[in-house]
């Protein structure tokens, strides 16, 4: 994950930062890999919180997928958690990768969901697929 000061235009971090700044009510966003670890995060989200959010997002999408499988619901495209003080939006990218965004209760559900869908479409070719992530890990050993 890069810092906001040095984010080249078009990087995953910069796309997440732009999304969080542009969409009303969105505080932070992360992209989570199939392994539950953060691939990228919007500027201003501390690394430890990005890791916590990534683990939570991965677990929630896994549970939603298990429920869908159990009841033959097909693939899970998105999950929204409504909390007392905000929302957690989750959208599948591919291969278990997920975009997670935290938004305030004043955010417009439909607008945020639409903007996450647009963001997700722009990330499909940028977010490493599971096989690519596994190769990268093997290459560092």
Protein backbone atom coordinates (compact mmCIF):
# COMPACT_ATOMS: atom_id res chain seq x y z
CA UNK A 1 0.00 0.00 0.00
CA UNK A 2 1.39 3.38 -0.96
CA UNK A 3 1.15 6.63 0.91
CA UNK A 4 -1.19 9.26 -0.50
CA UNK A 5 1.64 11.71 -1.18
CA UNK A 6 3.36 9.40 -3.64
CA UNK A 7 0.37 7.79 -5.35
CA UNK A 8 0.79 7.77 -9.11
CA UNK A 9 -2.42 8.39 -11.03
CA UNK A 10 -4.20 5.18 -11.93
CA UNK A 11 -2.74 3.03 -9.15
CA UNK A 12 -5.17 1.02 -7.06
CA UNK A 13 -4.37 3.20 -4.04
CA UNK A 14 -5.05 6.39 -5.99
CA UNK A 15 -8.33 5.01 -7.38
CA UNK A 16 -9.47 4.14 -3.85
CA UNK A 17 -8.41 7.55 -2.53
CA UNK A 18 -10.24 9.33 -5.35
CA UNK A 19 -13.34 7.19 -4.71
CA UNK A 20 -13.31 8.00 -0.97
CA UNK A 21 -12.84 11.73 -1.61
CA UNK A 22 -15.37 11.97 -4.44
CA UNK A 23 -18.31 9.92 -3.14
CA UNK A 24 -20.29 11.72 -0.46
CA UNK A 25 -20.15 9.99 2.91
CA UNK A 26 -17.40 7.47 2.06
CA UNK A 27 -14.61 7.60 4.63
CA UNK A 28 -12.27 4.78 3.56
CA UNK A 29 -11.92 1.98 1.05
CA UNK A 30 -9.68 -1.07 0.68
CA UNK A 31 -9.12 -3.79 -1.88
CA UNK A 32 -8.76 -7.19 -0.27
CA UNK A 33 -7.01 -10.14 -1.91
CA UNK A 34 -8.33 -13.69 -1.96
CA UNK A 35 -6.12 -14.38 1.08
CA UNK A 36 -7.86 -11.75 3.22
CA UNK A 37 -4.92 -9.34 3.17
CA UNK A 38 -5.17 -5.74 1.96
CA UNK A 39 -3.82 -5.11 -1.53
CA UNK A 40 -4.43 -1.35 -1.41
CA UNK A 41 -6.17 1.27 0.71
CA UNK A 42 -7.37 4.83 0.43
CA UNK A 43 -5.18 7.56 1.88
CA UNK A 44 -5.69 8.25 5.56
CA UNK A 45 -6.57 4.70 6.59
CA UNK A 46 -3.85 3.47 8.96
CA UNK A 47 -2.26 0.16 7.96
CA UNK A 48 -3.49 -1.67 11.08
CA UNK A 49 -7.07 -0.58 10.39
CA UNK A 50 -6.72 -1.50 6.71
CA UNK A 51 -5.65 -4.98 7.81
CA UNK A 52 -8.60 -5.24 10.22
CA UNK A 53 -11.06 -4.06 7.59
CA UNK A 54 -9.59 -6.49 5.05
CA UNK A 55 -9.96 -9.44 7.43
CA UNK A 56 -13.54 -8.47 8.28
CA UNK A 57 -14.48 -7.97 4.61
CA UNK A 58 -12.95 -11.28 3.61
CA UNK A 59 -14.78 -13.13 6.39
CA UNK A 60 -18.13 -11.52 5.64
CA UNK A 61 -17.91 -12.24 1.92
CA UNK A 62 -16.90 -15.83 2.66
CA UNK A 63 -19.91 -16.28 4.96
CA UNK A 64 -22.25 -14.66 2.43
CA UNK A 65 -20.84 -16.97 -0.25
CA UNK A 66 -21.38 -19.98 1.99
CA UNK A 67 -25.00 -18.98 2.56
CA UNK A 68 -25.51 -18.48 -1.17
CA UNK A 69 -23.97 -21.87 -1.90
CA UNK A 70 -26.05 -23.60 0.77
CA UNK A 71 -29.26 -22.20 -0.67
CA UNK A 72 -28.21 -22.29 -4.34
CA UNK A 73 -28.19 -18.52 -4.60
CA UNK A 74 -25.27 -18.27 -7.02
CA UNK A 75 -22.29 -15.98 -6.66
CA UNK A 76 -22.38 -13.13 -4.14
CA UNK A 77 -21.90 -9.81 -5.92
CA UNK A 78 -22.28 -7.46 -2.99
CA UNK A 79 -23.00 -7.30 0.72
CA UNK A 80 -24.07 -4.28 2.76
CA UNK A 81 -23.84 -4.13 6.54
CA UNK A 82 -25.96 -1.40 8.11
CA UNK A 83 -24.50 -0.28 11.42
CA UNK A 84 -25.76 2.24 13.93
CA UNK A 85 -23.17 4.80 12.77
CA UNK A 86 -22.63 3.89 9.16
CA UNK A 87 -22.41 1.26 6.46
CA UNK A 88 -19.90 -1.29 5.32
CA UNK A 89 -20.21 -1.95 1.59
CA UNK A 90 -18.55 -5.02 0.07
CA UNK A 91 -18.36 -5.84 -3.62
CA UNK A 92 -16.67 -8.78 -5.31
CA UNK A 93 -13.94 -8.02 -7.85
CA UNK A 94 -12.91 -11.56 -8.89
CA UNK A 95 -11.26 -14.71 -7.48
CA UNK A 96 -12.23 -13.82 -3.92
CA UNK A 97 -10.90 -10.25 -4.16
CA UNK A 98 -13.23 -7.67 -2.62
CA UNK A 99 -13.65 -3.90 -2.48
CA UNK A 100 -14.73 -2.75 0.99
CA UNK A 101 -15.87 0.78 1.77
CA UNK A 102 -16.90 2.43 5.02
CA UNK A 103 -19.52 5.15 4.75
CA UNK A 104 -21.43 7.41 7.10
CA UNK A 105 -25.15 6.97 7.81
CA UNK A 106 -25.85 10.09 5.72
CA UNK A 107 -24.47 8.40 2.59
CA UNK A 108 -26.98 7.51 -0.10
CA UNK A 109 -27.11 3.70 -0.37
CA UNK A 110 -27.85 3.62 -4.09
CA UNK A 111 -25.20 6.18 -4.98
CA UNK A 112 -22.47 4.44 -2.99
CA UNK A 113 -23.44 1.04 -4.41
CA UNK A 114 -23.35 2.44 -7.97
CA UNK A 115 -19.99 4.14 -7.42
CA UNK A 116 -18.48 0.97 -5.92
CA UNK A 117 -19.70 -0.96 -8.97
CA UNK A 118 -18.00 1.57 -11.27
CA UNK A 119 -14.83 1.40 -9.15
CA UNK A 120 -14.90 -2.40 -9.15
CA UNK A 121 -15.20 -2.48 -12.95
CA UNK A 122 -12.11 -0.25 -13.19
CA UNK A 123 -10.18 -2.58 -10.87
CA UNK A 124 -10.87 -5.94 -12.55
CA UNK A 125 -7.69 -5.81 -14.66
CA UNK A 126 -5.60 -4.08 -11.96
CA UNK A 127 -6.23 -6.38 -8.98
CA UNK A 128 -4.04 -9.49 -9.10
CA UNK A 129 -5.90 -12.76 -9.52
CA UNK A 130 -5.42 -15.54 -6.97
CA UNK A 131 -2.89 -17.39 -9.15
CA UNK A 132 -0.85 -14.19 -9.62
CA UNK A 133 -0.82 -13.55 -5.87
CA UNK A 134 0.29 -17.12 -5.18
CA UNK A 135 3.11 -16.78 -7.75
CA UNK A 136 4.26 -13.53 -6.14
CA UNK A 137 4.36 -15.18 -2.71
CA UNK A 138 6.29 -18.18 -4.06
CA UNK A 139 8.74 -15.83 -5.75
CA UNK A 140 9.60 -14.14 -2.43
CA UNK A 141 10.50 -17.38 -0.65
